[in-house]
Amino acid sequence: MKDTLLIDGLERRDKVVFDYVFNFYYSSLCAFAMQYLNDRNAVEDLVQEFFVTLWIEAPSHPIHASLKTYLFAAVKNRCLDVQKHRKVVEKYRSFILFSTSEEDNLSDHLFAESELRHAIQNSVEKLPPRCREIFELSRLKGYSNQEIALHLGLSKRTVELQISNALKVLRKELVAYLPVWLVFWLLF
């Protein structure tokens, strides 16, 4: 199919054209993104989210390049954004772990860490059972939202809402205990 017909179809939100483009390019875009992220679940989520955005924003963001060029450039940019975000998270994680003054001693750190873990554990235990189960699968075991949904027989949206609810409760529970930026960092 010609690019102009496909681009026109996408801009008109033609479902047949969108399905064709998705089915034709999805696996190639995932393979391409793997070169940047090397995480299959993250890649699949990224490409799926890109297609959702494409469906929503196609009428308001006309494509001026070839369709293939546009799709691969957009996915590459999203991969680079994820890499930047990972570097920032790692930078702050290193900063938190290794920023100690010479006066601090190890026992103070161990006590503070133990106290912090206890506060987080108590807050997580206060969550409703299903919400806690979903949160623990996500944050402690590293499952993706899609994996949790399949594992528990729920929709992905339900999983996302439960994680969002858990984070709200935990922010409220821990905000008095920790500086806001640290709570944010720990929960994300």
Protein backbone atom coordinates (compact mmCIF):
# COMPACT_ATOMS: atom_id res chain seq x y z
CA MET A 1 0.00 0.00 0.00
CA LYS A 2 1.26 3.49 -0.74
CA ASP A 3 2.44 5.68 2.12
CA THR A 4 0.09 8.50 1.23
CA LEU A 5 -2.95 6.20 1.46
CA LEU A 6 -1.76 4.81 4.78
CA ILE A 7 -0.99 8.25 6.20
CA ASP A 8 -4.37 9.56 5.02
CA GLY A 9 -6.07 6.56 6.61
CA LEU A 10 -4.26 7.11 9.90
CA GLU A 11 -5.18 10.81 9.91
CA ARG A 12 -8.84 9.84 9.31
CA ARG A 13 -8.58 7.19 12.06
CA ASP A 14 -9.48 4.44 9.63
CA LYS A 15 -9.43 1.28 11.74
CA VAL A 16 -8.61 -1.00 8.81
CA VAL A 17 -5.58 1.11 7.89
CA PHE A 18 -4.49 1.36 11.52
CA ASP A 19 -4.75 -2.43 11.97
CA TYR A 20 -2.75 -2.96 8.79
CA VAL A 21 0.00 -0.56 9.91
CA PHE A 22 0.07 -2.08 13.40
CA ASN A 23 0.26 -5.66 12.14
CA PHE A 24 2.83 -4.81 9.45
CA TYR A 25 5.22 -2.78 11.63
CA TYR A 26 4.73 -3.98 15.23
CA SER A 27 7.30 -6.80 15.29
CA SER A 28 9.87 -4.77 13.31
CA LEU A 29 9.50 -1.83 15.70
CA CYS A 30 9.88 -4.14 18.70
CA ALA A 31 13.04 -5.69 17.23
CA PHE A 32 14.39 -2.21 16.49
CA ALA A 33 13.63 -0.98 20.02
CA MET A 34 15.37 -4.01 21.54
CA GLN A 35 18.65 -2.58 20.25
CA TYR A 36 18.17 0.36 22.62
CA LEU A 37 16.43 -1.11 25.66
CA ASN A 38 17.20 -4.84 25.70
CA ASP A 39 14.07 -5.48 27.79
CA ARG A 40 11.31 -7.31 25.97
CA ASN A 41 8.48 -6.24 28.28
CA ALA A 42 9.57 -2.60 28.24
CA VAL A 43 9.91 -2.70 24.45
CA GLU A 44 6.47 -4.22 23.93
CA ASP A 45 4.89 -1.68 26.29
CA LEU A 46 6.71 1.18 24.58
CA VAL A 47 5.65 0.15 21.06
CA GLN A 48 2.05 -0.50 22.13
CA GLU A 49 1.87 2.87 23.88
CA PHE A 50 3.31 4.48 20.75
CA PHE A 51 0.54 2.98 18.62
CA VAL A 52 -2.10 4.17 21.09
CA THR A 53 -0.64 7.67 20.86
CA LEU A 54 -0.52 7.39 17.07
CA TRP A 55 -4.22 6.47 16.99
CA ILE A 56 -5.17 9.33 19.28
CA GLU A 57 -2.92 12.04 17.86
CA ALA A 58 -2.70 11.15 14.14
CA PRO A 59 -5.36 13.66 13.05
CA SER A 60 -3.63 16.52 14.85
CA HIS A 61 -0.02 15.56 13.98
CA PRO A 62 0.32 15.08 10.23
CA ILE A 63 3.13 12.82 9.04
CA HIS A 64 5.38 14.61 6.52
CA ALA A 65 8.06 11.94 6.08
CA SER A 66 7.63 8.41 4.80
CA LEU A 67 5.51 6.32 7.16
CA LYS A 68 8.33 3.87 7.88
CA THR A 69 10.76 6.68 8.65
CA TYR A 70 8.23 8.36 10.93
CA LEU A 71 7.41 5.16 12.86
CA PHE A 72 11.02 4.14 13.41
CA ALA A 73 12.14 7.67 14.34
CA ALA A 74 9.27 8.01 16.83
CA VAL A 75 10.07 4.67 18.47
CA LYS A 76 13.79 5.52 18.56
CA ASN A 77 13.02 8.84 20.30
CA ARG A 78 10.87 7.06 22.86
CA CYS A 79 13.67 4.56 23.49
CA LEU A 80 16.15 7.39 23.99
CA ASP A 81 13.74 9.03 26.44
CA VAL A 82 13.53 5.77 28.42
CA GLN A 83 17.33 5.52 28.45
CA LYS A 84 17.60 9.11 29.74
CA HIS A 85 15.04 8.39 32.43
CA ARG A 86 16.92 5.26 33.50
CA LYS A 87 20.15 7.27 33.75
CA VAL A 88 18.47 9.90 35.91
CA VAL A 89 16.99 7.25 38.19
CA GLU A 90 20.37 5.53 38.47
CA LYS A 91 22.11 8.84 39.15
CA TYR A 92 19.76 9.65 42.02
CA ARG A 93 19.89 6.09 43.32
CA SER A 94 23.70 6.33 43.42
CA PHE A 95 23.49 9.76 45.00
CA ILE A 96 21.22 8.47 47.77
CA LEU A 97 23.26 5.33 48.38
CA PHE A 98 26.68 6.98 48.40
CA SER A 99 26.09 10.47 49.74
CA THR A 100 27.22 10.21 53.32
CA SER A 101 29.21 12.65 55.34
CA GLU A 102 32.30 11.56 57.19
CA GLU A 103 30.56 12.02 60.53
CA ASP A 104 27.85 9.49 59.76
CA ASN A 105 28.49 6.07 61.09
CA LEU A 106 27.34 2.72 59.79
CA SER A 107 25.06 1.83 62.71
CA ASP A 108 23.04 5.04 62.20
CA HIS A 109 22.55 4.15 58.55
CA LEU A 110 21.58 0.58 59.32
CA PHE A 111 19.08 1.75 61.93
CA ALA A 112 17.58 4.35 59.59
CA GLU A 113 17.36 1.84 56.75
CA SER A 114 15.74 -0.72 59.02
CA GLU A 115 13.27 1.85 60.33
CA LEU A 116 12.48 2.97 56.79
CA ARG A 117 11.91 -0.59 55.60
CA HIS A 118 9.62 -1.18 58.56
CA ALA A 119 7.58 1.96 57.79
CA ILE A 120 7.21 0.96 54.14
CA GLN A 121 6.28 -2.61 55.07
CA ASN A 122 3.63 -1.38 57.53
CA SER A 123 2.21 0.97 54.91
CA VAL A 124 2.03 -1.80 52.31
CA GLU A 125 0.30 -4.09 54.82
CA LYS A 126 -2.43 -1.48 55.26
CA LEU A 127 -3.42 -1.79 51.60
CA PRO A 128 -6.52 -3.85 50.72
CA PRO A 129 -5.52 -7.47 49.95
CA ARG A 130 -5.98 -7.37 46.15
CA CYS A 131 -4.38 -3.93 45.89
CA ARG A 132 -1.41 -5.12 47.99
CA GLU A 133 -1.01 -8.27 45.88
CA ILE A 134 -0.95 -6.26 42.65
CA PHE A 135 1.43 -3.66 44.11
CA GLU A 136 3.85 -6.33 45.37
CA LEU A 137 3.84 -8.12 42.01
CA SER A 138 4.60 -4.81 40.31
CA ARG A 139 7.11 -3.18 42.61
CA LEU A 140 8.71 -6.06 44.49
CA LYS A 141 8.70 -8.82 41.87
CA GLY A 142 9.07 -6.57 38.82
CA TYR A 143 6.11 -7.87 36.83
CA SER A 144 4.75 -5.63 34.07
CA ASN A 145 1.14 -4.49 34.25
CA GLN A 146 0.28 -6.84 31.37
CA GLU A 147 1.89 -9.82 33.14
CA ILE A 148 -0.01 -9.05 36.35
CA ALA A 149 -3.28 -8.75 34.40
CA LEU A 150 -2.73 -12.13 32.75
CA HIS A 151 -1.56 -13.75 36.00
CA LEU A 152 -4.59 -12.55 37.99
CA GLY A 153 -7.18 -12.64 35.20
CA LEU A 154 -7.79 -8.88 35.32
CA SER A 155 -7.76 -6.14 32.73
CA LYS A 156 -4.57 -4.13 32.36
CA ARG A 157 -6.55 -0.98 33.24
CA THR A 158 -7.69 -2.55 36.55
CA VAL A 159 -4.06 -3.34 37.39
CA GLU A 160 -3.03 0.24 36.58
CA LEU A 161 -5.80 1.65 38.78
CA GLN A 162 -4.88 -0.62 41.69
CA ILE A 163 -1.21 0.40 41.48
CA SER A 164 -2.23 4.05 41.30
CA ASN A 165 -4.44 3.62 44.37
CA ALA A 166 -1.63 1.87 46.25
CA LEU A 167 0.79 4.68 45.44
CA LYS A 168 -1.69 7.29 46.68
CA VAL A 169 -2.12 5.45 49.98
CA LEU A 170 1.63 4.95 50.40
CA ARG A 171 2.39 8.59 49.65
CA LYS A 172 -0.08 9.63 52.36
CA GLU A 173 1.26 7.08 54.82
CA LEU A 174 4.93 7.91 54.30
CA VAL A 175 4.81 11.65 53.67
CA ALA A 176 5.15 12.51 57.36
CA TYR A 177 7.96 10.04 57.78
CA LEU A 178 10.15 11.03 54.85
CA PRO A 179 10.88 14.05 52.71
CA VAL A 180 8.50 14.13 49.77
CA TRP A 181 11.23 13.69 47.16
CA LEU A 182 12.53 10.57 48.87
CA VAL A 183 9.07 8.99 49.09
CA PHE A 184 8.59 9.74 45.41
CA TRP A 185 11.96 8.21 44.55
CA LEU A 186 11.34 5.06 46.60
CA LEU A 187 7.90 4.41 45.16
CA PHE A 188 8.85 5.01 41.56
